[in-house]
């Protein structure tokens, strides 16, 4: 499939926002239970602002995927059957609850129930976003429980790494805990994404050129599409990149999104300054942009049996 950059930016930005909010709520609960010391700086208020900024940036990116942005409100009308409609409903609810939680933190009020609701909405949003693609049965690379699981763990990893940077600025005493949580989430994300990559590489195709055409000849090659240029099929259902790009990009994603962050967080994360941790979060996000591009590019639509090359 052709990767849509609007969706790549939306899913990575919103995923990081959800992961950061889950980390903030977990930290708030640990402080309330006396398991960790209370941060002295405005960590929770600053974190809520960052979540809202990331979520708003994701929404702006998503609008570029709409053919008619003025009719975006209609996307919520099919909530009974559409995961996209559910996502459209849950995302604003998540941002509104995060705003209320941040205001309550700023005013020193009770935040437990608001934090719990925000955490549940963040998890529900991961599920909705992942199921938009996992429910597309015709694209077998997406139609797997690993899809929503990867969306959740990778968003959690990037959000917690960003959270470690905020902790370094506002509550250095909590940094070993924050860095350790980010490292664990990144490792889990690497495991599930690796499992998804292995599954996609070993999928046996249900259809071949021979079965699609009803011809049993062992070698059938499309020499021309029969037109003078590209078509909707070649533009929308194929990434169009050189065949050797995907393996190289996979290695780059592995290093930037998983290997380097885990090494740094596990060995130096507890004592790095906030600026360097913020740079690490930015590097990991760049790697996850490549990971999400690969996710879309790995999806193989059956119609590509007929449009393998333009000729």
Protein backbone atom coordinates (compact mmCIF):
# COMPACT_ATOMS: atom_id res chain seq x y z
CA UNK A 1 0.00 0.00 0.00
CA UNK A 2 1.03 3.63 -0.43
CA UNK A 3 2.01 5.14 2.93
CA UNK A 4 0.07 8.33 3.70
CA UNK A 5 2.28 10.79 5.54
CA UNK A 6 -0.73 12.40 7.18
CA UNK A 7 -1.57 9.10 8.86
CA UNK A 8 2.07 8.40 9.67
CA UNK A 9 2.38 11.71 11.53
CA UNK A 10 -1.02 11.36 13.16
CA UNK A 11 -0.49 7.86 14.52
CA UNK A 12 3.03 8.55 15.81
CA UNK A 13 2.22 11.94 17.38
CA UNK A 14 -1.06 10.83 18.93
CA UNK A 15 0.54 7.55 20.03
CA UNK A 16 3.32 9.41 21.84
CA UNK A 17 0.73 11.67 23.49
CA UNK A 18 -1.23 8.67 24.75
CA UNK A 19 1.92 6.94 25.99
CA UNK A 20 3.06 10.07 27.81
CA UNK A 21 -0.33 10.46 29.47
CA UNK A 22 -0.33 6.84 30.60
CA UNK A 23 3.11 7.37 32.13
CA UNK A 24 2.02 10.57 33.90
CA UNK A 25 -1.10 8.93 35.31
CA UNK A 26 0.90 5.92 36.51
CA UNK A 27 3.45 8.22 38.16
CA UNK A 28 0.69 10.27 39.78
CA UNK A 29 -0.86 7.09 41.18
CA UNK A 30 2.51 5.85 42.48
CA UNK A 31 3.07 9.19 44.24
CA UNK A 32 -0.43 9.12 45.74
CA UNK A 33 0.20 5.61 47.10
CA UNK A 34 3.52 6.66 48.61
CA UNK A 35 5.55 4.39 46.36
CA UNK A 36 7.55 7.29 44.88
CA UNK A 37 8.40 10.77 46.19
CA UNK A 38 6.28 13.64 44.96
CA UNK A 39 7.93 15.77 42.25
CA UNK A 40 8.69 19.32 43.34
CA UNK A 41 8.34 20.96 39.94
CA UNK A 42 5.27 21.36 37.69
CA UNK A 43 5.88 17.98 36.07
CA UNK A 44 2.26 16.94 35.68
CA UNK A 45 1.05 20.30 34.39
CA UNK A 46 3.90 20.51 31.88
CA UNK A 47 3.28 16.91 30.84
CA UNK A 48 -0.42 17.59 30.26
CA UNK A 49 0.47 20.57 28.06
CA UNK A 50 2.85 18.42 26.00
CA UNK A 51 0.17 15.74 25.59
CA UNK A 52 -2.30 18.34 24.34
CA UNK A 53 0.24 19.83 21.92
CA UNK A 54 1.11 16.41 20.48
CA UNK A 55 -2.55 15.45 20.22
CA UNK A 56 -3.44 18.73 18.50
CA UNK A 57 -0.52 18.33 16.08
CA UNK A 58 -1.74 14.83 15.26
CA UNK A 59 -5.24 16.15 14.57
CA UNK A 60 -3.86 18.80 12.23
CA UNK A 61 -1.87 16.14 10.37
CA UNK A 62 -4.96 13.93 10.08
CA UNK A 63 -6.96 16.68 8.36
CA UNK A 64 -4.64 16.42 5.35
CA UNK A 65 -5.99 12.90 4.81
CA UNK A 66 -9.54 14.15 4.37
CA UNK A 67 -10.95 14.77 0.93
CA UNK A 68 -13.48 17.27 2.34
CA UNK A 69 -12.31 18.53 5.77
CA UNK A 70 -15.54 20.53 6.27
CA UNK A 71 -17.45 17.25 6.46
CA UNK A 72 -15.11 15.67 9.02
CA UNK A 73 -17.84 15.74 11.66
CA UNK A 74 -19.75 13.10 9.70
CA UNK A 75 -16.98 10.59 10.41
CA UNK A 76 -18.45 10.05 13.89
CA UNK A 77 -21.88 9.00 12.60
CA UNK A 78 -21.08 5.31 12.09
CA UNK A 79 -19.80 4.58 15.60
CA UNK A 80 -21.82 1.35 15.87
CA UNK A 81 -19.85 -0.41 13.14
CA UNK A 82 -16.79 1.70 12.27
CA UNK A 83 -13.54 1.78 14.23
CA UNK A 84 -12.72 5.06 12.50
CA UNK A 85 -15.90 6.64 13.88
CA UNK A 86 -15.03 5.36 17.34
CA UNK A 87 -11.55 6.84 17.03
CA UNK A 88 -13.05 10.20 16.01
CA UNK A 89 -15.16 10.15 19.19
CA UNK A 90 -12.53 8.85 21.61
CA UNK A 91 -9.70 11.20 20.58
CA UNK A 92 -11.45 14.49 21.51
CA UNK A 93 -12.71 12.87 24.72
CA UNK A 94 -9.14 11.87 25.58
CA UNK A 95 -7.82 15.39 24.95
CA UNK A 96 -10.66 17.00 26.92
CA UNK A 97 -10.05 14.68 29.88
CA UNK A 98 -6.33 15.38 29.72
CA UNK A 99 -7.06 19.11 29.80
CA UNK A 100 -9.30 18.68 32.84
CA UNK A 101 -6.64 16.53 34.55
CA UNK A 102 -3.96 19.16 33.89
CA UNK A 103 -6.16 21.94 35.24
CA UNK A 104 -6.87 19.87 38.36
CA UNK A 105 -3.13 19.31 38.83
CA UNK A 106 -2.47 23.03 38.44
CA UNK A 107 -5.14 23.92 41.01
CA UNK A 108 -4.11 21.18 43.43
CA UNK A 109 -7.44 19.36 43.25
CA UNK A 110 -8.35 15.67 43.15
CA UNK A 111 -6.99 13.98 40.03
CA UNK A 112 -7.46 10.25 40.60
CA UNK A 113 -10.71 9.72 38.70
CA UNK A 114 -9.78 12.10 35.91
CA UNK A 115 -6.43 10.35 35.55
CA UNK A 116 -8.08 6.93 35.48
CA UNK A 117 -10.54 8.08 32.82
CA UNK A 118 -7.75 9.60 30.73
CA UNK A 119 -5.75 6.36 30.95
CA UNK A 120 -8.76 4.27 29.88
CA UNK A 121 -9.45 6.62 26.97
CA UNK A 122 -5.79 6.44 25.90
CA UNK A 123 -5.96 2.65 25.81
CA UNK A 124 -9.29 2.74 23.98
CA UNK A 125 -7.79 5.12 21.41
CA UNK A 126 -4.89 2.74 20.79
CA UNK A 127 -7.41 -0.03 20.21
CA UNK A 128 -9.55 2.04 17.84
CA UNK A 129 -6.59 3.22 15.77
CA UNK A 130 -5.07 -0.23 15.52
CA UNK A 131 -8.37 -1.92 14.68
CA UNK A 132 -8.97 0.46 11.77
CA UNK A 133 -6.22 -1.49 10.00
CA UNK A 134 -6.50 -4.86 11.73
CA UNK A 135 -10.13 -5.07 10.58
CA UNK A 136 -9.13 -4.85 6.90
CA UNK A 137 -9.11 -8.59 6.25
CA UNK A 138 -8.11 -8.30 2.59
CA UNK A 139 -4.71 -6.92 3.63
CA UNK A 140 -3.39 -9.86 5.61
CA UNK A 141 -0.25 -8.06 6.82
CA UNK A 142 -2.51 -5.75 8.85
CA UNK A 143 -5.24 -8.24 9.82
CA UNK A 144 -3.60 -9.46 13.02
CA UNK A 145 -3.89 -8.84 16.78
CA UNK A 146 -0.27 -7.69 16.55
CA UNK A 147 -1.41 -4.50 14.81
CA UNK A 148 -3.26 -2.85 17.75
CA UNK A 149 -0.67 -4.32 20.13
CA UNK A 150 2.15 -2.69 18.17
CA UNK A 151 0.32 0.64 18.03
CA UNK A 152 -0.03 0.49 21.81
CA UNK A 153 3.51 -0.58 22.74
CA UNK A 154 5.30 1.66 20.24
CA UNK A 155 3.23 4.67 21.28
CA UNK A 156 3.88 3.83 24.92
CA UNK A 157 7.63 3.52 24.26
CA UNK A 158 7.90 6.91 22.55
CA UNK A 159 5.67 8.57 25.14
CA UNK A 160 7.63 7.19 28.08
CA UNK A 161 10.96 8.21 26.55
CA UNK A 162 9.61 11.74 26.18
CA UNK A 163 8.30 11.46 29.73
CA UNK A 164 11.80 10.58 30.96
CA UNK A 165 13.05 13.84 29.44
CA UNK A 166 10.34 15.78 31.29
CA UNK A 167 11.21 13.98 34.53
CA UNK A 168 14.87 14.92 34.07
CA UNK A 169 13.87 18.59 33.89
CA UNK A 170 11.35 18.63 36.75
CA UNK A 171 12.01 15.65 39.06
CA UNK A 172 15.53 14.19 38.61
CA UNK A 173 15.08 11.90 41.61
CA UNK A 174 12.48 9.94 39.67
CA UNK A 175 14.59 9.65 36.53
CA UNK A 176 15.87 6.06 37.08
CA UNK A 177 12.28 4.85 37.33
CA UNK A 178 11.14 6.81 34.29
CA UNK A 179 14.10 5.71 32.16
CA UNK A 180 13.65 2.09 33.20
CA UNK A 181 9.97 2.13 32.27
CA UNK A 182 10.78 3.63 28.86
CA UNK A 183 13.45 1.00 28.25
CA UNK A 184 11.07 -1.86 29.13
CA UNK A 185 8.34 -0.47 26.85
CA UNK A 186 10.84 -0.09 24.01
CA UNK A 187 12.03 -3.69 24.40
CA UNK A 188 8.46 -4.98 24.38
CA UNK A 189 7.69 -2.87 21.31
CA UNK A 190 10.75 -4.25 19.53
CA UNK A 191 9.68 -7.83 20.30
CA UNK A 192 6.13 -7.43 19.02
CA UNK A 193 7.21 -5.44 15.96
CA UNK A 194 9.80 -8.09 15.18
CA UNK A 195 7.09 -10.75 15.49
CA UNK A 196 4.90 -8.77 13.10
CA UNK A 197 7.75 -8.41 10.58
CA UNK A 198 8.48 -12.15 10.73
CA UNK A 199 4.79 -12.99 10.31
CA UNK A 200 4.43 -10.74 7.26
CA UNK A 201 7.56 -12.17 5.65
CA UNK A 202 6.32 -15.75 6.05
CA UNK A 203 2.71 -15.26 4.94
CA UNK A 204 1.80 -17.61 2.12
CA UNK A 205 -0.15 -15.72 -0.57
CA UNK A 206 -3.75 -16.85 -1.03
CA UNK A 207 -3.77 -15.73 -4.64
CA UNK A 208 -1.17 -15.80 -7.37
CA UNK A 209 -1.10 -14.43 -10.89
CA UNK A 210 -1.93 -17.94 -12.10
CA UNK A 211 -4.96 -18.34 -9.83
CA UNK A 212 -6.18 -14.81 -10.55
CA UNK A 213 -6.09 -15.38 -14.31
CA UNK A 214 -7.04 -19.04 -14.27
CA UNK A 215 -3.87 -19.95 -16.15
CA UNK A 216 -1.61 -22.72 -14.87
CA UNK A 217 1.57 -21.74 -16.71
CA UNK A 218 4.47 -21.64 -14.19
CA UNK A 219 5.80 -18.29 -15.41
CA UNK A 220 3.55 -15.30 -16.14
CA UNK A 221 5.05 -11.82 -16.41
CA UNK A 222 3.17 -8.56 -16.87
CA UNK A 223 5.02 -6.54 -19.48
CA UNK A 224 2.70 -3.54 -19.68
CA UNK A 225 -0.25 -2.07 -17.83
CA UNK A 226 -1.93 -1.27 -21.11
CA UNK A 227 -1.97 2.51 -20.58
CA UNK A 228 0.45 5.34 -21.21
CA UNK A 229 1.07 6.10 -17.52
CA UNK A 230 0.10 5.37 -13.97
CA UNK A 231 -3.41 4.76 -12.67
CA UNK A 232 -5.28 4.93 -9.40
CA UNK A 233 -4.25 1.33 -8.79
CA UNK A 234 -0.54 2.00 -9.14
CA UNK A 235 -0.71 5.20 -7.10
CA UNK A 236 -2.85 4.13 -4.14
CA UNK A 237 -2.11 0.43 -3.73
CA UNK A 238 1.67 0.38 -4.07
CA UNK A 239 4.42 2.32 -2.30
CA UNK A 240 6.42 2.61 -5.53
CA UNK A 241 9.80 2.52 -3.76
CA UNK A 242 12.85 0.63 -4.99
CA UNK A 243 12.86 -3.02 -3.81
CA UNK A 244 16.09 -2.57 -1.84
CA UNK A 245 14.71 0.37 0.17
CA UNK A 246 12.62 -1.69 2.58
CA UNK A 247 15.48 -3.87 3.96
CA UNK A 248 17.69 -0.82 4.48
CA UNK A 249 14.87 1.08 6.15
CA UNK A 250 14.16 -1.84 8.48
CA UNK A 251 17.75 -1.73 9.73
CA UNK A 252 17.55 2.03 10.22
CA UNK A 253 14.29 1.69 12.14
CA UNK A 254 15.75 -1.05 14.33
CA UNK A 255 18.71 1.14 15.30
CA UNK A 256 16.92 4.48 15.74
CA UNK A 257 13.65 3.30 17.30
CA UNK A 258 14.82 0.35 19.39
CA UNK A 259 18.53 -0.45 19.78
CA UNK A 260 19.97 2.99 20.56
CA UNK A 261 17.11 4.06 22.86
CA UNK A 262 17.28 0.83 24.86
CA UNK A 263 21.07 1.02 25.24
CA UNK A 264 21.02 4.67 26.30
CA UNK A 265 18.03 4.35 28.63
CA UNK A 266 19.29 1.16 30.27
CA UNK A 267 22.88 2.32 30.82
CA UNK A 268 22.76 6.12 31.09
CA UNK A 269 19.11 7.03 31.32
CA UNK A 270 19.12 7.54 35.06
CA UNK A 271 21.67 10.35 34.92
CA UNK A 272 21.38 11.99 31.52
CA UNK A 273 20.28 15.66 31.36
CA UNK A 274 16.87 16.46 30.01
CA UNK A 275 18.21 17.96 26.78
CA UNK A 276 19.92 14.72 25.77
CA UNK A 277 16.88 12.65 26.70
CA UNK A 278 14.71 14.97 24.61
CA UNK A 279 17.11 14.44 21.69
CA UNK A 280 16.84 10.68 22.25
CA UNK A 281 13.03 10.93 22.21
CA UNK A 282 13.24 12.86 18.93
CA UNK A 283 15.56 10.19 17.45
CA UNK A 284 13.19 7.44 18.52
CA UNK A 285 10.23 9.30 17.03
CA UNK A 286 12.13 9.63 13.74
CA UNK A 287 12.71 5.88 13.81
CA UNK A 288 9.02 5.28 14.47
CA UNK A 289 8.13 7.44 11.47
CA UNK A 290 10.11 4.92 9.41
CA UNK A 291 8.44 2.03 11.24
CA UNK A 292 4.98 3.39 10.45
CA UNK A 293 5.95 3.94 6.80
CA UNK A 294 7.01 0.30 6.67
CA UNK A 295 3.74 -0.75 8.28
CA UNK A 296 1.75 0.80 5.47
CA UNK A 297 4.18 -0.25 2.73
CA UNK A 298 4.15 -3.89 3.89
CA UNK A 299 0.41 -4.11 3.27
CA UNK A 300 -0.09 -5.96 -0.02
CA UNK A 301 -3.44 -5.52 -1.71
CA UNK A 302 -4.54 -8.38 -4.00
CA UNK A 303 -5.20 -5.96 -6.86
CA UNK A 304 -1.44 -5.57 -7.23
CA UNK A 305 -1.46 -8.96 -8.97
CA UNK A 306 -2.79 -7.03 -11.97
CA UNK A 307 -0.71 -3.84 -11.58
CA UNK A 308 2.80 -5.06 -10.90
CA UNK A 309 4.47 -2.53 -13.20
CA UNK A 310 3.52 0.35 -15.42
CA UNK A 311 5.43 -0.92 -18.47
